[in-house]
Amino acid sequence: MLDPILESPFHFSVEALFILLILIGLEAILSADNAIALAAITQGLKDPKLERQALNIGLLIAYVLRITLILCSRWILQFWQFEVLGGGYLLWLAYQHFSSPKDEDDQHKEPKFANVWQAIPVIAVTDLAFSLDSVTTAIAISDQIWLVVAGGTIGVITLRFMAGLFIRWLDEYVHLADAGYMTVTLVGMRLITRAINDQLVPPEWVMITLIISIFAWGFSKKTPVIAATISPAIVSPQPFTPESAQNVAPLTEITPDGLDAVETDSAGFT
């Protein structure tokens, strides 16, 4: 009676749970560069409401593309041209960032979008390029498609929250954007290297170590907060001394005649 369940490709075992946890961990680490790229792209909208909308719709489309990629991975990964296209696109993104002019804070300017529908396709295509790397890694760990789909689903959810955090952190840390695009460059180079010769691709632990090291540098320096300069004389009360009393302007003596004059002048305005 249990044989159909045990023989099912969806059979959940301790081994499957262990593999799923590994896939989730890899997705979380390898999605950091993806998240920061999406955050930098989304910042081009300059409106928090539009940024959230672009991320939600863009990642929904990206999720459909990612699941399609997983289901067709056996066929797609036979063609090295897909990895070259994905790697070339990521290298182009990194080049666009590092070659862009800098603002008054010495930070690279990100591209701006006129509306949310211009940003959504860029978000979806960018995630698809990153998915070529993560899906290839996941397939190498497990040949059970449902596990890879489950890991990819959790990865997209994690990516959405990470991108939201990075949108805020990009304004708080000086080197974070540059660190993110350095890791984007690494992923692009790895995709192209895999297409040329899979034996030249460094082990996964090397890639993870490099990503963690680069992001440690990215979080190493906060953006300085420029406080308004206020004169100390305005803020700090001065002690009263006989010398300071001489600097106080004398009060004008008001006589009865002066009061009459004030009343006369006031009457002219009634």
Protein backbone atom coordinates (compact mmCIF):
# COMPACT_ATOMS: atom_id res chain seq x y z
CA MET A 1 0.00 0.00 0.00
CA LEU A 2 2.90 2.36 0.74
CA ASP A 3 4.91 1.29 -2.31
CA PRO A 4 3.37 3.93 -4.64
CA ILE A 5 4.20 6.65 -2.09
CA LEU A 6 7.76 5.45 -1.52
CA GLU A 7 8.37 5.16 -5.26
CA SER A 8 6.85 8.56 -5.98
CA PRO A 9 9.29 11.30 -7.13
CA PHE A 10 7.72 13.52 -4.44
CA HIS A 11 8.59 11.14 -1.59
CA PHE A 12 9.86 13.21 1.32
CA SER A 13 12.73 11.66 3.28
CA VAL A 14 15.44 12.83 5.64
CA GLU A 15 17.83 12.92 2.70
CA ALA A 16 15.40 15.04 0.69
CA LEU A 17 14.99 17.43 3.62
CA PHE A 18 18.77 17.74 3.94
CA ILE A 19 19.15 18.45 0.21
CA LEU A 20 16.32 20.99 0.36
CA LEU A 21 18.04 22.84 3.22
CA ILE A 22 21.28 22.92 1.20
CA LEU A 23 19.44 24.30 -1.83
CA ILE A 24 17.74 26.97 0.30
CA GLY A 25 21.08 27.96 1.83
CA LEU A 26 22.74 28.19 -1.56
CA GLU A 27 19.82 30.22 -2.92
CA ALA A 28 20.09 32.64 0.01
CA ILE A 29 23.85 33.17 -0.46
CA LEU A 30 23.90 33.21 -4.26
CA SER A 31 20.84 35.49 -4.36
CA ALA A 32 22.65 38.31 -2.53
CA ASP A 33 24.26 39.63 -5.72
CA ASN A 34 20.98 39.12 -7.57
CA ALA A 35 19.10 41.06 -4.88
CA ILE A 36 21.48 44.00 -4.91
CA ALA A 37 21.34 44.23 -8.71
CA LEU A 38 17.53 44.24 -8.60
CA ALA A 39 17.57 46.82 -5.79
CA ALA A 40 19.87 49.11 -7.79
CA ILE A 41 17.67 48.73 -10.87
CA THR A 42 14.51 49.41 -8.88
CA GLN A 43 15.99 52.56 -7.31
CA GLY A 44 15.79 54.15 -10.76
CA LEU A 45 12.07 54.69 -10.19
CA LYS A 46 12.73 57.11 -7.28
CA ASP A 47 9.37 56.30 -5.68
CA PRO A 48 8.96 53.71 -2.88
CA LYS A 49 5.47 52.74 -4.03
CA LEU A 50 6.58 52.20 -7.62
CA GLU A 51 9.68 50.33 -6.41
CA ARG A 52 7.54 47.83 -4.49
CA GLN A 53 5.17 47.45 -7.42
CA ALA A 54 8.03 46.85 -9.88
CA LEU A 55 9.65 44.26 -7.59
CA ASN A 56 6.37 42.39 -6.99
CA ILE A 57 5.35 42.19 -10.66
CA GLY A 58 8.89 41.75 -11.97
CA LEU A 59 9.68 38.88 -9.60
CA LEU A 60 6.32 37.22 -10.31
CA ILE A 61 7.25 37.13 -14.00
CA ALA A 62 10.78 36.07 -13.03
CA TYR A 63 9.36 33.20 -10.97
CA VAL A 64 7.41 31.87 -13.96
CA LEU A 65 10.56 32.12 -16.10
CA ARG A 66 12.65 30.41 -13.40
CA ILE A 67 10.24 27.47 -13.04
CA THR A 68 10.17 27.14 -16.83
CA LEU A 69 13.97 27.13 -16.84
CA ILE A 70 14.04 24.38 -14.18
CA LEU A 71 11.52 22.21 -16.02
CA CYS A 72 13.41 22.63 -19.30
CA SER A 73 16.88 22.58 -17.73
CA ARG A 74 17.87 19.22 -19.21
CA TRP A 75 17.33 20.63 -22.68
CA ILE A 76 18.49 24.24 -22.12
CA LEU A 77 21.77 23.33 -20.43
CA GLN A 78 22.78 21.34 -23.49
CA PHE A 79 23.26 24.63 -25.35
CA TRP A 80 26.24 26.67 -24.17
CA GLN A 81 24.86 29.71 -25.99
CA PHE A 82 22.33 30.31 -23.18
CA GLU A 83 25.09 30.56 -20.57
CA VAL A 84 27.13 32.88 -22.78
CA LEU A 85 24.10 35.14 -23.29
CA GLY A 86 23.34 35.16 -19.55
CA GLY A 87 26.96 35.78 -18.58
CA GLY A 88 27.36 38.48 -21.21
CA TYR A 89 24.22 40.24 -19.96
CA LEU A 90 25.50 40.24 -16.36
CA LEU A 91 28.90 41.57 -17.45
CA TRP A 92 27.10 44.30 -19.39
CA LEU A 93 25.12 45.23 -16.26
CA ALA A 94 28.35 45.50 -14.26
CA TYR A 95 29.99 47.58 -17.03
CA GLN A 96 26.98 49.92 -17.11
CA HIS A 97 27.36 50.48 -13.37
CA PHE A 98 31.11 51.06 -13.18
CA SER A 99 31.21 53.24 -16.31
CA SER A 100 28.31 55.47 -15.23
CA PRO A 101 29.10 59.02 -14.06
CA LYS A 102 29.35 59.72 -10.35
CA ASP A 103 27.20 62.09 -8.32
CA GLU A 104 28.28 64.68 -5.75
CA ASP A 105 28.70 61.89 -3.16
CA ASP A 106 31.14 60.03 -5.45
CA GLN A 107 28.56 57.28 -6.07
CA HIS A 108 27.77 55.80 -9.48
CA LYS A 109 24.42 56.93 -10.86
CA GLU A 110 21.97 54.16 -11.64
CA PRO A 111 19.74 54.29 -14.76
CA LYS A 112 16.38 55.98 -14.30
CA PHE A 113 13.01 54.74 -15.58
CA ALA A 114 10.12 56.89 -16.74
CA ASN A 115 7.53 54.43 -15.41
CA VAL A 116 7.21 51.07 -13.67
CA TRP A 117 6.63 49.15 -16.92
CA GLN A 118 10.11 50.03 -18.13
CA ALA A 119 11.70 48.55 -15.01
CA ILE A 120 9.68 45.30 -14.86
CA PRO A 121 11.21 43.62 -17.97
CA VAL A 122 14.72 44.53 -16.79
CA ILE A 123 14.02 42.94 -13.38
CA ALA A 124 12.63 39.75 -14.97
CA VAL A 125 15.49 39.34 -17.46
CA THR A 126 18.13 40.07 -14.80
CA ASP A 127 16.74 37.38 -12.51
CA LEU A 128 16.58 34.94 -15.43
CA ALA A 129 20.28 35.51 -16.14
CA PHE A 130 21.14 34.81 -12.50
CA SER A 131 18.87 31.75 -12.57
CA LEU A 132 21.05 30.15 -15.24
CA ASP A 133 23.81 29.99 -12.62
CA SER A 134 21.71 28.98 -9.60
CA VAL A 135 19.67 26.37 -11.47
CA THR A 136 22.83 24.79 -12.88
CA THR A 137 24.20 24.55 -9.34
CA ALA A 138 20.94 23.11 -8.00
CA ILE A 139 20.70 20.48 -10.75
CA ALA A 140 24.25 19.39 -9.92
CA ILE A 141 23.22 18.83 -6.28
CA SER A 142 19.93 17.02 -6.89
CA ASP A 143 18.32 15.40 -9.91
CA GLN A 144 14.88 15.55 -8.28
CA ILE A 145 13.07 18.34 -10.10
CA TRP A 146 10.51 18.90 -7.35
CA LEU A 147 13.30 19.64 -4.87
CA VAL A 148 14.87 22.12 -7.26
CA VAL A 149 11.47 23.75 -7.85
CA ALA A 150 10.87 23.97 -4.09
CA GLY A 151 14.32 25.50 -3.55
CA GLY A 152 13.75 27.94 -6.41
CA THR A 153 10.35 28.97 -5.02
CA ILE A 154 11.77 29.69 -1.58
CA GLY A 155 14.69 31.45 -3.29
CA VAL A 156 12.38 33.89 -5.11
CA ILE A 157 10.53 34.68 -1.89
CA THR A 158 13.85 35.28 -0.12
CA LEU A 159 15.03 37.37 -3.05
CA ARG A 160 11.99 39.66 -2.75
CA PHE A 161 12.66 40.44 0.91
CA MET A 162 16.42 40.79 0.36
CA ALA A 163 15.89 43.23 -2.52
CA GLY A 164 13.64 45.34 -0.29
CA LEU A 165 16.36 45.46 2.37
CA PHE A 166 19.08 46.29 -0.13
CA ILE A 167 17.09 49.25 -1.47
CA ARG A 168 17.45 50.83 1.98
CA TRP A 169 21.01 49.61 2.59
CA LEU A 170 22.27 51.04 -0.71
CA ASP A 171 21.69 54.51 0.75
CA GLU A 172 23.33 53.60 4.06
CA TYR A 173 26.60 51.98 2.94
CA VAL A 174 29.17 53.63 0.69
CA HIS A 175 30.68 50.56 -1.01
CA LEU A 176 27.63 48.29 -1.11
CA ALA A 177 26.59 48.98 -4.71
CA ASP A 178 30.14 48.47 -5.99
CA ALA A 179 30.45 45.25 -3.97
CA GLY A 180 27.20 43.95 -5.42
CA TYR A 181 28.28 44.57 -8.99
CA MET A 182 31.64 42.96 -8.30
CA THR A 183 29.79 39.76 -7.45
CA VAL A 184 27.61 40.24 -10.54
CA THR A 185 30.86 40.27 -12.53
CA LEU A 186 31.95 37.03 -10.84
CA VAL A 187 28.69 35.29 -11.75
CA GLY A 188 28.88 36.52 -15.35
CA MET A 189 32.47 35.31 -15.70
CA ARG A 190 31.55 31.93 -14.18
CA LEU A 191 28.70 31.42 -16.66
CA ILE A 192 30.96 32.17 -19.62
CA THR A 193 33.76 30.02 -18.19
CA ARG A 194 31.34 27.11 -17.74
CA ALA A 195 30.28 27.45 -21.37
CA ILE A 196 33.91 27.38 -22.54
CA ASN A 197 35.20 24.61 -20.28
CA ASP A 198 33.30 23.28 -17.30
CA GLN A 199 36.53 22.01 -15.75
CA LEU A 200 37.79 25.58 -15.31
CA VAL A 201 34.89 26.60 -13.07
CA PRO A 202 36.10 26.99 -9.45
CA PRO A 203 34.43 24.96 -6.68
CA GLU A 204 31.26 26.28 -5.08
CA TRP A 205 32.97 27.00 -1.75
CA VAL A 206 35.42 29.34 -3.52
CA MET A 207 32.54 31.31 -5.03
CA ILE A 208 30.71 31.54 -1.70
CA THR A 209 33.89 32.66 0.10
CA LEU A 210 34.51 35.38 -2.49
CA ILE A 211 30.91 36.63 -2.28
CA ILE A 212 30.99 36.80 1.53
CA SER A 213 34.36 38.60 1.48
CA ILE A 214 33.21 41.16 -1.08
CA PHE A 215 30.00 41.87 0.82
CA ALA A 216 31.94 42.24 4.06
CA TRP A 217 33.83 45.06 2.35
CA GLY A 218 30.53 46.45 1.00
CA PHE A 219 29.15 46.76 4.54
CA SER A 220 32.41 48.13 5.98
CA LYS A 221 31.64 51.85 5.66
CA LYS A 222 28.45 53.75 6.32
CA THR A 223 27.40 56.82 4.41
CA PRO A 224 28.34 59.88 6.53
CA VAL A 225 25.41 61.86 7.86
CA ILE A 226 25.83 65.57 7.25
CA ALA A 227 24.36 67.48 10.19
CA ALA A 228 23.21 71.06 9.89
CA THR A 229 25.81 73.52 11.16
CA ILE A 230 24.42 75.69 13.97
CA SER A 231 26.34 78.47 15.65
CA PRO A 232 27.29 77.54 19.24
CA ALA A 233 26.36 81.03 20.33
CA ILE A 234 22.76 80.33 19.38
CA VAL A 235 22.57 77.01 21.16
CA SER A 236 24.75 77.55 24.24
CA PRO A 237 23.39 80.03 26.81
CA GLN A 238 25.86 82.72 27.88
CA PRO A 239 26.35 83.51 31.60
CA PHE A 240 25.13 86.89 32.78
CA THR A 241 27.95 89.19 33.90
CA PRO A 242 28.24 92.94 34.53
CA GLU A 243 30.22 93.19 31.27
CA SER A 244 27.47 91.49 29.28
CA ALA A 245 24.88 93.79 30.83
CA GLN A 246 26.65 96.77 29.19
CA ASN A 247 26.02 95.21 25.78
CA VAL A 248 22.25 95.09 26.30
CA ALA A 249 20.46 97.87 24.43
CA PRO A 250 18.73 100.24 26.86
CA LEU A 251 14.95 100.24 26.96
CA THR A 252 13.30 103.30 25.49
CA GLU A 253 11.62 105.38 28.17
CA ILE A 254 7.94 105.83 27.45
CA THR A 255 6.37 109.03 28.76
CA PRO A 256 2.67 109.96 28.93
CA ASP A 257 3.24 112.17 25.87
CA GLY A 258 4.70 109.18 24.07
CA LEU A 259 1.65 107.10 24.90
CA ASP A 260 -0.61 109.81 23.50
CA ALA A 261 1.43 109.81 20.31
CA VAL A 262 1.13 106.04 19.99
CA GLU A 263 -2.63 106.19 20.48
CA THR A 264 -2.87 108.97 17.85
CA ASP A 265 -0.88 106.91 15.33
CA SER A 266 -2.94 103.80 16.04
CA ALA A 267 -6.14 105.72 15.44
CA GLY A 268 -5.03 106.41 11.86
CA PHE A 269 -5.24 102.70 11.02
CA THR A 270 -8.77 102.15 12.32
